[in-house]
């Protein structure tokens, strides 16, 4: 994610949608009205307290994030489908036929 994130977007303000047909909700709840959908794209993260609200679905808990699409649609996306380019990242290189981790970063 980090190495392929478009440099024209501030990595502290934008995130990537990491799945296809991800719903944009009107409210930070999975049972709220769906106002749009996105697949594998970049969105702006809006700063507000809703990102502290979480929901557990199928035993997994993620926060909801307020987002704005590049075309201006506003709504909420379940955190399972978003990744920051500043999230955990690592690098591996193959040396003498063996893969070795050269670094691991736990965010900025």
PDB file of N, CA and C in Angstrom:
ATOM      1  N   UNK A   1       0.820  -1.184   0.000  1.00  0.00           N
ATOM      2  CA  UNK A   1       0.000   0.000   0.000  1.00  0.00           C
ATOM      3  C   UNK A   1       0.870   1.257   0.000  1.00  0.00           C
ATOM      4  N   UNK A   2       1.840   1.315   0.896  1.00  0.00           N
ATOM      5  CA  UNK A   2       2.662   2.511   1.058  1.00  0.00           C
ATOM      6  C   UNK A   2       3.389   2.869  -0.237  1.00  0.00           C
ATOM      7  N   UNK A   3       3.991   1.889  -0.872  1.00  0.00           N
ATOM      8  CA  UNK A   3       4.806   2.172  -2.057  1.00  0.00           C
ATOM      9  C   UNK A   3       3.968   2.502  -3.291  1.00  0.00           C
ATOM     10  N   UNK A   4       2.683   2.159  -3.296  1.00  0.00           N
ATOM     11  CA  UNK A   4       1.850   2.403  -4.463  1.00  0.00           C
ATOM     12  C   UNK A   4       0.800   3.489  -4.241  1.00  0.00           C
ATOM     13  N   UNK A   5       0.778   4.080  -3.050  1.00  0.00           N
ATOM     14  CA  UNK A   5      -0.205   5.119  -2.763  1.00  0.00           C
ATOM     15  C   UNK A   5       0.155   6.364  -3.577  1.00  0.00           C
ATOM     16  N   UNK A   6      -0.839   6.967  -4.267  1.00  0.00           N
ATOM     17  CA  UNK A   6      -0.540   8.135  -5.111  1.00  0.00           C
ATOM     18  C   UNK A   6       0.053   9.288  -4.301  1.00  0.00           C
ATOM     19  N   UNK A   7       1.181   9.787  -4.725  1.00  0.00           N
ATOM     20  CA  UNK A   7       1.871  10.859  -4.023  1.00  0.00           C
ATOM     21  C   UNK A   7       1.118  12.176  -3.996  1.00  0.00           C
ATOM     22  N   UNK A   8       0.098  12.310  -4.840  1.00  0.00           N
ATOM     23  CA  UNK A   8      -0.665  13.559  -4.877  1.00  0.00           C
ATOM     24  C   UNK A   8      -1.650  13.678  -3.712  1.00  0.00           C
ATOM     25  N   UNK A   9      -1.805  12.609  -2.905  1.00  0.00           N
ATOM     26  CA  UNK A   9      -2.711  12.620  -1.759  1.00  0.00           C
ATOM     27  C   UNK A   9      -1.913  12.550  -0.461  1.00  0.00           C
ATOM     28  N   UNK A  10      -2.231  13.423   0.467  1.00  0.00           N
ATOM     29  CA  UNK A  10      -1.570  13.444   1.769  1.00  0.00           C
ATOM     30  C   UNK A  10      -1.902  12.159   2.530  1.00  0.00           C
ATOM     31  N   UNK A  11      -0.895  11.385   2.863  1.00  0.00           N
ATOM     32  CA  UNK A  11      -1.099  10.089   3.521  1.00  0.00           C
ATOM     33  C   UNK A  11      -1.715  10.214   4.913  1.00  0.00           C
ATOM     34  N   UNK A  12      -1.694  11.414   5.496  1.00  0.00           N
ATOM     35  CA  UNK A  12      -2.312  11.624   6.800  1.00  0.00           C
ATOM     36  C   UNK A  12      -3.792  11.969   6.676  1.00  0.00           C
ATOM     37  N   UNK A  13      -4.241  12.324   5.470  1.00  0.00           N
ATOM     38  CA  UNK A  13      -5.627  12.746   5.269  1.00  0.00           C
ATOM     39  C   UNK A  13      -6.442  11.812   4.382  1.00  0.00           C
ATOM     40  N   UNK A  14      -5.788  10.906   3.693  1.00  0.00           N
ATOM     41  CA  UNK A  14      -6.478  10.025   2.754  1.00  0.00           C
ATOM     42  C   UNK A  14      -6.205   8.562   3.094  1.00  0.00           C
ATOM     43  N   UNK A  15      -7.106   7.704   2.640  1.00  0.00           N
ATOM     44  CA  UNK A  15      -6.948   6.261   2.831  1.00  0.00           C
ATOM     45  C   UNK A  15      -7.410   5.561   1.559  1.00  0.00           C
ATOM     46  N   UNK A  16      -7.090   4.295   1.460  1.00  0.00           N
ATOM     47  CA  UNK A  16      -7.481   3.508   0.298  1.00  0.00           C
ATOM     48  C   UNK A  16      -8.613   2.555   0.656  1.00  0.00           C
ATOM     49  N   UNK A  17      -9.582   2.457  -0.226  1.00  0.00           N
ATOM     50  CA  UNK A  17     -10.642   1.450  -0.119  1.00  0.00           C
ATOM     51  C   UNK A  17     -10.035   0.175  -0.689  1.00  0.00           C
ATOM     52  N   UNK A  18     -10.011  -0.898   0.113  1.00  0.00           N
ATOM     53  CA  UNK A  18      -9.239  -2.089  -0.268  1.00  0.00           C
ATOM     54  C   UNK A  18     -10.095  -3.285  -0.674  1.00  0.00           C
ATOM     55  N   UNK A  19     -11.301  -3.025  -1.126  1.00  0.00           N
ATOM     56  CA  UNK A  19     -12.166  -4.108  -1.581  1.00  0.00           C
ATOM     57  C   UNK A  19     -13.065  -3.562  -2.681  1.00  0.00           C
ATOM     58  N   UNK A  20     -13.796  -4.451  -3.340  1.00  0.00           N
ATOM     59  CA  UNK A  20     -14.727  -4.000  -4.369  1.00  0.00           C
ATOM     60  C   UNK A  20     -16.129  -3.887  -3.780  1.00  0.00           C
ATOM     61  N   UNK A  21     -16.900  -2.989  -4.353  1.00  0.00           N
ATOM     62  CA  UNK A  21     -18.299  -2.777  -3.972  1.00  0.00           C
ATOM     63  C   UNK A  21     -18.478  -2.504  -2.478  1.00  0.00           C
ATOM     64  N   UNK A  22     -17.656  -1.620  -1.933  1.00  0.00           N
ATOM     65  CA  UNK A  22     -17.747  -1.237  -0.525  1.00  0.00           C
ATOM     66  C   UNK A  22     -18.830  -0.175  -0.394  1.00  0.00           C
ATOM     67  N   UNK A  23     -19.754  -0.407   0.519  1.00  0.00           N
ATOM     68  CA  UNK A  23     -20.880   0.504   0.702  1.00  0.00           C
ATOM     69  C   UNK A  23     -20.485   1.757   1.470  1.00  0.00           C
ATOM     70  N   UNK A  24     -21.035   2.880   1.009  1.00  0.00           N
ATOM     71  CA  UNK A  24     -20.954   4.133   1.755  1.00  0.00           C
ATOM     72  C   UNK A  24     -22.303   4.284   2.437  1.00  0.00           C
ATOM     73  N   UNK A  25     -22.297   4.401   3.753  1.00  0.00           N
ATOM     74  CA  UNK A  25     -23.536   4.469   4.527  1.00  0.00           C
ATOM     75  C   UNK A  25     -23.868   5.904   4.922  1.00  0.00           C
ATOM     76  N   UNK A  26     -25.166   6.164   5.113  1.00  0.00           N
ATOM     77  CA  UNK A  26     -25.643   7.481   5.535  1.00  0.00           C
ATOM     78  C   UNK A  26     -25.316   7.738   7.001  1.00  0.00           C
ATOM     79  N   UNK A  27     -25.217   6.685   7.791  1.00  0.00           N
ATOM     80  CA  UNK A  27     -24.900   6.770   9.215  1.00  0.00           C
ATOM     81  C   UNK A  27     -23.877   5.690   9.548  1.00  0.00           C
ATOM     82  N   UNK A  28     -23.164   5.823  10.663  1.00  0.00           N
ATOM     83  CA  UNK A  28     -22.136   4.833  11.014  1.00  0.00           C
ATOM     84  C   UNK A  28     -22.724   3.552  11.620  1.00  0.00           C
ATOM     85  N   UNK A  29     -23.543   2.877  10.810  1.00  0.00           N
ATOM     86  CA  UNK A  29     -24.170   1.606  11.203  1.00  0.00           C
ATOM     87  C   UNK A  29     -24.382   0.776   9.942  1.00  0.00           C
ATOM     88  N   UNK A  30     -24.166  -0.520  10.046  1.00  0.00           N
ATOM     89  CA  UNK A  30     -24.316  -1.376   8.867  1.00  0.00           C
ATOM     90  C   UNK A  30     -25.759  -1.478   8.388  1.00  0.00           C
ATOM     91  N   UNK A  31     -26.720  -1.155   9.255  1.00  0.00           N
ATOM     92  CA  UNK A  31     -28.122  -1.227   8.834  1.00  0.00           C
ATOM     93  C   UNK A  31     -28.678   0.124   8.358  1.00  0.00           C
ATOM     94  N   UNK A  32     -27.796   1.115   8.178  1.00  0.00           N
ATOM     95  CA  UNK A  32     -28.251   2.423   7.702  1.00  0.00           C
ATOM     96  C   UNK A  32     -28.344   2.425   6.175  1.00  0.00           C
ATOM     97  N   UNK A  33     -28.983   3.457   5.651  1.00  0.00           N
ATOM     98  CA  UNK A  33     -29.169   3.607   4.208  1.00  0.00           C
ATOM     99  C   UNK A  33     -27.816   3.660   3.503  1.00  0.00           C
ATOM    100  N   UNK A  34     -27.716   2.991   2.363  1.00  0.00           N
ATOM    101  CA  UNK A  34     -26.504   3.015   1.545  1.00  0.00           C
ATOM    102  C   UNK A  34     -26.635   4.152   0.541  1.00  0.00           C
ATOM    103  N   UNK A  35     -25.659   5.067   0.550  1.00  0.00           N
ATOM    104  CA  UNK A  35     -25.722   6.247  -0.318  1.00  0.00           C
ATOM    105  C   UNK A  35     -24.755   6.162  -1.499  1.00  0.00           C
ATOM    106  N   UNK A  36     -23.995   5.103  -1.576  1.00  0.00           N
ATOM    107  CA  UNK A  36     -23.065   4.935  -2.677  1.00  0.00           C
ATOM    108  C   UNK A  36     -22.183   3.728  -2.460  1.00  0.00           C
ATOM    109  N   UNK A  37     -21.266   3.528  -3.390  1.00  0.00           N
ATOM    110  CA  UNK A  37     -20.343   2.413  -3.281  1.00  0.00           C
ATOM    111  C   UNK A  37     -19.036   2.729  -3.983  1.00  0.00           C
ATOM    112  N   UNK A  38     -17.986   2.059  -3.544  1.00  0.00           N
ATOM    113  CA  UNK A  38     -16.657   2.297  -4.094  1.00  0.00           C
ATOM    114  C   UNK A  38     -15.898   0.989  -4.232  1.00  0.00           C
ATOM    115  N   UNK A  39     -14.953   0.963  -5.152  1.00  0.00           N
ATOM    116  CA  UNK A  39     -14.065  -0.182  -5.321  1.00  0.00           C
ATOM    117  C   UNK A  39     -12.640   0.315  -5.526  1.00  0.00           C
ATOM    118  N   UNK A  40     -11.741  -0.146  -4.682  1.00  0.00           N
ATOM    119  CA  UNK A  40     -10.307   0.085  -4.860  1.00  0.00           C
ATOM    120  C   UNK A  40      -9.974   1.521  -5.296  1.00  0.00           C
ATOM    121  N   UNK A  41     -10.220   2.451  -4.425  1.00  0.00           N
ATOM    122  CA  UNK A  41      -9.966   3.851  -4.738  1.00  0.00           C
ATOM    123  C   UNK A  41      -9.481   4.589  -3.501  1.00  0.00           C
ATOM    124  N   UNK A  42      -9.207   5.856  -3.647  1.00  0.00           N
ATOM    125  CA  UNK A  42      -8.747   6.699  -2.551  1.00  0.00           C
ATOM    126  C   UNK A  42      -9.906   7.561  -2.064  1.00  0.00           C
ATOM    127  N   UNK A  43     -10.004   7.755  -0.740  1.00  0.00           N
ATOM    128  CA  UNK A  43     -11.019   8.632  -0.148  1.00  0.00           C
ATOM    129  C   UNK A  43     -10.353   9.558   0.860  1.00  0.00           C
ATOM    130  N   UNK A  44     -10.990  10.703   1.072  1.00  0.00           N
ATOM    131  CA  UNK A  44     -10.515  11.644   2.091  1.00  0.00           C
ATOM    132  C   UNK A  44     -11.155  11.277   3.414  1.00  0.00           C
ATOM    133  N   UNK A  45     -10.352  11.201   4.446  1.00  0.00           N
ATOM    134  CA  UNK A  45     -10.861  10.933   5.791  1.00  0.00           C
ATOM    135  C   UNK A  45     -11.251  12.258   6.422  1.00  0.00           C
ATOM    136  N   UNK A  46     -12.510  12.372   6.807  1.00  0.00           N
ATOM    137  CA  UNK A  46     -12.973  13.582   7.469  1.00  0.00           C
ATOM    138  C   UNK A  46     -12.704  13.437   8.955  1.00  0.00           C
ATOM    139  N   UNK A  47     -12.319  14.523   9.575  1.00  0.00           N
ATOM    140  CA  UNK A  47     -11.973  14.470  11.000  1.00  0.00           C
ATOM    141  C   UNK A  47     -13.206  14.792  11.833  1.00  0.00           C
ATOM    142  N   UNK A  48     -13.723  13.801  12.507  1.00  0.00           N
ATOM    143  CA  UNK A  48     -14.803  14.013  13.463  1.00  0.00           C
ATOM    144  C   UNK A  48     -14.848  12.832  14.416  1.00  0.00           C
ATOM    145  N   UNK A  49     -15.579  12.928  15.496  1.00  0.00           N
ATOM    146  CA  UNK A  49     -15.568  11.879  16.526  1.00  0.00           C
ATOM    147  C   UNK A  49     -16.138  10.530  16.096  1.00  0.00           C
ATOM    148  N   UNK A  50     -16.827  10.452  14.958  1.00  0.00           N
ATOM    149  CA  UNK A  50     -17.447   9.187  14.590  1.00  0.00           C
ATOM    150  C   UNK A  50     -16.428   8.075  14.394  1.00  0.00           C
ATOM    151  N   UNK A  51     -15.194   8.421  14.082  1.00  0.00           N
ATOM    152  CA  UNK A  51     -14.193   7.377  13.857  1.00  0.00           C
ATOM    153  C   UNK A  51     -13.881   6.587  15.130  1.00  0.00           C
ATOM    154  N   UNK A  52     -14.422   7.028  16.257  1.00  0.00           N
ATOM    155  CA  UNK A  52     -14.235   6.261  17.488  1.00  0.00           C
ATOM    156  C   UNK A  52     -15.376   5.271  17.700  1.00  0.00           C
ATOM    157  N   UNK A  53     -16.424   5.360  16.874  1.00  0.00           N
ATOM    158  CA  UNK A  53     -17.549   4.434  16.991  1.00  0.00           C
ATOM    159  C   UNK A  53     -17.193   3.140  16.275  1.00  0.00           C
ATOM    160  N   UNK A  54     -17.432   2.019  16.931  1.00  0.00           N
ATOM    161  CA  UNK A  54     -17.114   0.739  16.296  1.00  0.00           C
ATOM    162  C   UNK A  54     -18.350  -0.136  16.261  1.00  0.00           C
ATOM    163  N   UNK A  55     -18.248  -1.182  15.480  1.00  0.00           N
ATOM    164  CA  UNK A  55     -19.333  -2.145  15.341  1.00  0.00           C
ATOM    165  C   UNK A  55     -18.704  -3.525  15.186  1.00  0.00           C
ATOM    166  N   UNK A  56     -19.324  -4.514  15.780  1.00  0.00           N
ATOM    167  CA  UNK A  56     -18.845  -5.890  15.648  1.00  0.00           C
ATOM    168  C   UNK A  56     -19.774  -6.640  14.704  1.00  0.00           C
ATOM    169  N   UNK A  57     -19.183  -7.217  13.671  1.00  0.00           N
ATOM    170  CA  UNK A  57     -19.920  -7.993  12.682  1.00  0.00           C
ATOM    171  C   UNK A  57     -19.167  -9.287  12.446  1.00  0.00           C
ATOM    172  N   UNK A  58     -19.865 -10.406  12.570  1.00  0.00           N
ATOM    173  CA  UNK A  58     -19.240 -11.718  12.374  1.00  0.00           C
ATOM    174  C   UNK A  58     -17.986 -11.893  13.233  1.00  0.00           C
ATOM    175  N   UNK A  59     -18.017 -11.381  14.462  1.00  0.00           N
ATOM    176  CA  UNK A  59     -16.909 -11.535  15.391  1.00  0.00           C
ATOM    177  C   UNK A  59     -15.749 -10.585  15.174  1.00  0.00           C
ATOM    178  N   UNK A  60     -15.849  -9.685  14.202  1.00  0.00           N
ATOM    179  CA  UNK A  60     -14.792  -8.715  13.926  1.00  0.00           C
ATOM    180  C   UNK A  60     -15.269  -7.318  14.304  1.00  0.00           C
ATOM    181  N   UNK A  61     -14.420  -6.559  14.988  1.00  0.00           N
ATOM    182  CA  UNK A  61     -14.763  -5.187  15.370  1.00  0.00           C
ATOM    183  C   UNK A  61     -13.883  -4.192  14.635  1.00  0.00           C
ATOM    184  N   UNK A  62     -14.527  -3.225  14.011  1.00  0.00           N
ATOM    185  CA  UNK A  62     -13.823  -2.154  13.316  1.00  0.00           C
ATOM    186  C   UNK A  62     -14.539  -0.839  13.578  1.00  0.00           C
ATOM    187  N   UNK A  63     -13.791   0.239  13.464  1.00  0.00           N
ATOM    188  CA  UNK A  63     -14.380   1.566  13.608  1.00  0.00           C
ATOM    189  C   UNK A  63     -15.040   1.990  12.299  1.00  0.00           C
ATOM    190  N   UNK A  64     -15.971   2.925  12.409  1.00  0.00           N
ATOM    191  CA  UNK A  64     -16.559   3.573  11.246  1.00  0.00           C
ATOM    192  C   UNK A  64     -15.793   4.863  10.989  1.00  0.00           C
ATOM    193  N   UNK A  65     -15.590   5.197   9.735  1.00  0.00           N
ATOM    194  CA  UNK A  65     -14.886   6.418   9.371  1.00  0.00           C
ATOM    195  C   UNK A  65     -15.767   7.296   8.496  1.00  0.00           C
ATOM    196  N   UNK A  66     -15.748   8.585   8.783  1.00  0.00           N
ATOM    197  CA  UNK A  66     -16.424   9.553   7.930  1.00  0.00           C
ATOM    198  C   UNK A  66     -15.500   9.830   6.762  1.00  0.00           C
ATOM    199  N   UNK A  67     -16.034   9.685   5.549  1.00  0.00           N
ATOM    200  CA  UNK A  67     -15.201   9.872   4.369  1.00  0.00           C
ATOM    201  C   UNK A  67     -15.873  10.827   3.388  1.00  0.00           C
ATOM    202  N   UNK A  68     -15.063  11.289   2.462  1.00  0.00           N
ATOM    203  CA  UNK A  68     -15.567  12.047   1.312  1.00  0.00           C
ATOM    204  C   UNK A  68     -14.885  11.454   0.087  1.00  0.00           C
ATOM    205  N   UNK A  69     -15.684  11.095  -0.899  1.00  0.00           N
ATOM    206  CA  UNK A  69     -15.105  10.529  -2.115  1.00  0.00           C
ATOM    207  C   UNK A  69     -14.451  11.640  -2.928  1.00  0.00           C
ATOM    208  N   UNK A  70     -13.697  11.255  -3.925  1.00  0.00           N
ATOM    209  CA  UNK A  70     -13.033  12.237  -4.784  1.00  0.00           C
ATOM    210  C   UNK A  70     -14.033  13.023  -5.616  1.00  0.00           C
ATOM    211  N   UNK A  71     -15.282  12.528  -5.713  1.00  0.00           N
ATOM    212  CA  UNK A  71     -16.336  13.249  -6.431  1.00  0.00           C
ATOM    213  C   UNK A  71     -17.238  14.031  -5.482  1.00  0.00           C
ATOM    214  N   UNK A  72     -16.949  13.982  -4.166  1.00  0.00           N
ATOM    215  CA  UNK A  72     -17.678  14.803  -3.210  1.00  0.00           C
ATOM    216  C   UNK A  72     -18.750  14.125  -2.377  1.00  0.00           C
ATOM    217  N   UNK A  73     -19.032  12.852  -2.613  1.00  0.00           N
ATOM    218  CA  UNK A  73     -20.027  12.141  -1.807  1.00  0.00           C
ATOM    219  C   UNK A  73     -19.495  11.956  -0.393  1.00  0.00           C
ATOM    220  N   UNK A  74     -20.318  12.275   0.601  1.00  0.00           N
ATOM    221  CA  UNK A  74     -19.929  12.098   1.999  1.00  0.00           C
ATOM    222  C   UNK A  74     -20.720  10.956   2.612  1.00  0.00           C
ATOM    223  N   UNK A  75     -20.103  10.252   3.545  1.00  0.00           N
ATOM    224  CA  UNK A  75     -20.771   9.160   4.228  1.00  0.00           C
ATOM    225  C   UNK A  75     -19.812   8.448   5.153  1.00  0.00           C
ATOM    226  N   UNK A  76     -20.141   7.206   5.453  1.00  0.00           N
ATOM    227  CA  UNK A  76     -19.378   6.415   6.417  1.00  0.00           C
ATOM    228  C   UNK A  76     -18.993   5.083   5.798  1.00  0.00           C
ATOM    229  N   UNK A  77     -17.759   4.676   6.046  1.00  0.00           N
ATOM    230  CA  UNK A  77     -17.276   3.365   5.582  1.00  0.00           C
ATOM    231  C   UNK A  77     -16.753   2.599   6.786  1.00  0.00           C
ATOM    232  N   UNK A  78     -17.095   1.326   6.820  1.00  0.00           N
ATOM    233  CA  UNK A  78     -16.637   0.426   7.875  1.00  0.00           C
ATOM    234  C   UNK A  78     -15.129   0.234   7.728  1.00  0.00           C
ATOM    235  N   UNK A  79     -14.398   0.400   8.812  1.00  0.00           N
ATOM    236  CA  UNK A  79     -12.946   0.384   8.799  1.00  0.00           C
ATOM    237  C   UNK A  79     -12.294  -0.871   8.248  1.00  0.00           C
ATOM    238  N   UNK A  80     -13.009  -1.965   8.207  1.00  0.00           N
ATOM    239  CA  UNK A  80     -12.465  -3.204   7.644  1.00  0.00           C
ATOM    240  C   UNK A  80     -12.037  -3.004   6.188  1.00  0.00           C
ATOM    241  N   UNK A  81     -12.663  -2.045   5.518  1.00  0.00           N
ATOM    242  CA  UNK A  81     -12.432  -1.854   4.091  1.00  0.00           C
ATOM    243  C   UNK A  81     -11.552  -0.653   3.759  1.00  0.00           C
ATOM    244  N   UNK A  82     -10.923  -0.072   4.777  1.00  0.00           N
ATOM    245  CA  UNK A  82     -10.031   1.070   4.570  1.00  0.00           C
ATOM    246  C   UNK A  82      -8.642   0.759   5.098  1.00  0.00           C
ATOM    247  N   UNK A  83      -7.625   1.268   4.420  1.00  0.00           N
ATOM    248  CA  UNK A  83      -6.257   1.157   4.915  1.00  0.00           C
ATOM    249  C   UNK A  83      -5.536   2.473   4.681  1.00  0.00           C
ATOM    250  N   UNK A  84      -4.813   2.873   5.695  1.00  0.00           N
ATOM    251  CA  UNK A  84      -3.958   4.048   5.581  1.00  0.00           C
ATOM    252  C   UNK A  84      -2.630   3.618   4.980  1.00  0.00           C
ATOM    253  N   UNK A  85      -2.052   4.454   4.128  1.00  0.00           N
ATOM    254  CA  UNK A  85      -0.717   4.118   3.624  1.00  0.00           C
ATOM    255  C   UNK A  85       0.329   4.169   4.734  1.00  0.00           C
ATOM    256  N   UNK A  86      -0.047   4.716   5.884  1.00  0.00           N
ATOM    257  CA  UNK A  86       0.880   4.805   7.013  1.00  0.00           C
ATOM    258  C   UNK A  86       0.663   3.684   8.019  1.00  0.00           C
ATOM    259  N   UNK A  87      -0.158   2.719   7.670  1.00  0.00           N
ATOM    260  CA  UNK A  87      -0.427   1.575   8.529  1.00  0.00           C
ATOM    261  C   UNK A  87       0.830   0.705   8.622  1.00  0.00           C
ATOM    262  N   UNK A  88       0.729  -0.433   9.279  1.00  0.00           N
ATOM    263  CA  UNK A  88       1.856  -1.355   9.350  1.00  0.00           C
ATOM    264  C   UNK A  88       2.399  -1.618   7.953  1.00  0.00           C
ATOM    265  N   UNK A  89       3.717  -1.628   7.832  1.00  0.00           N
ATOM    266  CA  UNK A  89       4.328  -1.953   6.548  1.00  0.00           C
ATOM    267  C   UNK A  89       5.693  -2.597   6.767  1.00  0.00           C
ATOM    268  N   UNK A  90       6.069  -3.366   5.764  1.00  0.00           N
ATOM    269  CA  UNK A  90       7.320  -4.105   5.863  1.00  0.00           C
ATOM    270  C   UNK A  90       7.947  -4.228   4.482  1.00  0.00           C
ATOM    271  N   UNK A  91       9.185  -4.627   4.465  1.00  0.00           N
ATOM    272  CA  UNK A  91       9.880  -4.868   3.203  1.00  0.00           C
ATOM    273  C   UNK A  91      10.628  -6.177   3.314  1.00  0.00           C
ATOM    274  N   UNK A  92      10.530  -6.970   2.253  1.00  0.00           N
ATOM    275  CA  UNK A  92      11.251  -8.237   2.162  1.00  0.00           C
ATOM    276  C   UNK A  92      12.134  -8.219   0.923  1.00  0.00           C
ATOM    277  N   UNK A  93      13.292  -8.829   1.028  1.00  0.00           N
ATOM    278  CA  UNK A  93      14.139  -9.045  -0.140  1.00  0.00           C
ATOM    279  C   UNK A  93      14.584 -10.508  -0.140  1.00  0.00           C
ATOM    280  N   UNK A  94      14.787 -11.010  -1.336  1.00  0.00           N
ATOM    281  CA  UNK A  94      15.235 -12.392  -1.471  1.00  0.00           C
ATOM    282  C   UNK A  94      16.748 -12.387  -1.655  1.00  0.00           C
ATOM    283  N   UNK A  95      17.439 -13.071  -0.722  1.00  0.00           N
ATOM    284  CA  UNK A  95      18.899 -13.128  -0.776  1.00  0.00           C
ATOM    285  C   UNK A  95      19.327 -14.580  -0.630  1.00  0.00           C
ATOM    286  N   UNK A  96      20.093 -15.047  -1.577  1.00  0.00           N
ATOM    287  CA  UNK A  96      20.558 -16.437  -1.591  1.00  0.00           C
ATOM    288  C   UNK A  96      19.391 -17.414  -1.505  1.00  0.00           C
ATOM    289  N   UNK A  97      18.316 -17.100  -2.208  1.00  0.00           N
ATOM    290  CA  UNK A  97      17.156 -17.997  -2.271  1.00  0.00           C
ATOM    291  C   UNK A  97      16.255 -17.963  -1.042  1.00  0.00           C
ATOM    292  N   UNK A  98      16.525 -17.059  -0.098  1.00  0.00           N
ATOM    293  CA  UNK A  98      15.728 -16.976   1.130  1.00  0.00           C
ATOM    294  C   UNK A  98      15.166 -15.561   1.276  1.00  0.00           C
ATOM    295  N   UNK A  99      13.868 -15.486   1.575  1.00  0.00           N
ATOM    296  CA  UNK A  99      13.251 -14.181   1.812  1.00  0.00           C
ATOM    297  C   UNK A  99      13.603 -13.694   3.209  1.00  0.00           C
ATOM    298  N   UNK A 100      14.034 -12.434   3.298  1.00  0.00           N
ATOM    299  CA  UNK A 100      14.391 -11.838   4.586  1.00  0.00           C
ATOM    300  C   UNK A 100      13.662 -10.503   4.743  1.00  0.00           C
ATOM    301  N   UNK A 101      13.166 -10.281   5.966  1.00  0.00           N
ATOM    302  CA  UNK A 101      12.542  -9.011   6.269  1.00  0.00           C
ATOM    303  C   UNK A 101      13.651  -7.988   6.514  1.00  0.00           C
ATOM    304  N   UNK A 102      13.551  -6.836   5.815  1.00  0.00           N
ATOM    305  CA  UNK A 102      14.589  -5.816   5.987  1.00  0.00           C
ATOM    306  C   UNK A 102      14.132  -4.680   6.898  1.00  0.00           C
ATOM    307  N   UNK A 103      12.809  -4.473   6.997  1.00  0.00           N
ATOM    308  CA  UNK A 103      12.303  -3.518   7.975  1.00  0.00           C
ATOM    309  C   UNK A 103      10.823  -3.775   8.247  1.00  0.00           C
ATOM    310  N   UNK A 104      10.375  -3.282   9.395  1.00  0.00           N
ATOM    311  CA  UNK A 104       8.980  -3.343   9.807  1.00  0.00           C
ATOM    312  C   UNK A 104       8.660  -2.026  10.499  1.00  0.00           C
ATOM    313  N   UNK A 105       7.646  -1.336  10.013  1.00  0.00           N
ATOM    314  CA  UNK A 105       7.224  -0.052  10.581  1.00  0.00           C
ATOM    315  C   UNK A 105       5.795  -0.193  11.066  1.00  0.00           C
ATOM    316  N   UNK A 106       5.529   0.232  12.287  1.00  0.00           N
ATOM    317  CA  UNK A 106       4.190   0.107  12.876  1.00  0.00           C
ATOM    318  C   UNK A 106       3.421   1.421  12.804  1.00  0.00           C
ATOM    319  N   UNK A 107       3.491   2.135  11.699  1.00  0.00           N
ATOM    320  CA  UNK A 107       2.766   3.387  11.524  1.00  0.00           C
ATOM    321  C   UNK A 107       3.639   4.587  11.804  1.00  0.00           C
ATOM    322  N   UNK A 108       3.108   5.760  11.452  1.00  0.00           N
ATOM    323  CA  UNK A 108       3.853   7.015  11.644  1.00  0.00           C
ATOM    324  C   UNK A 108       3.217   7.833  12.736  1.00  0.00           C
TER     325      UNK A 108
END
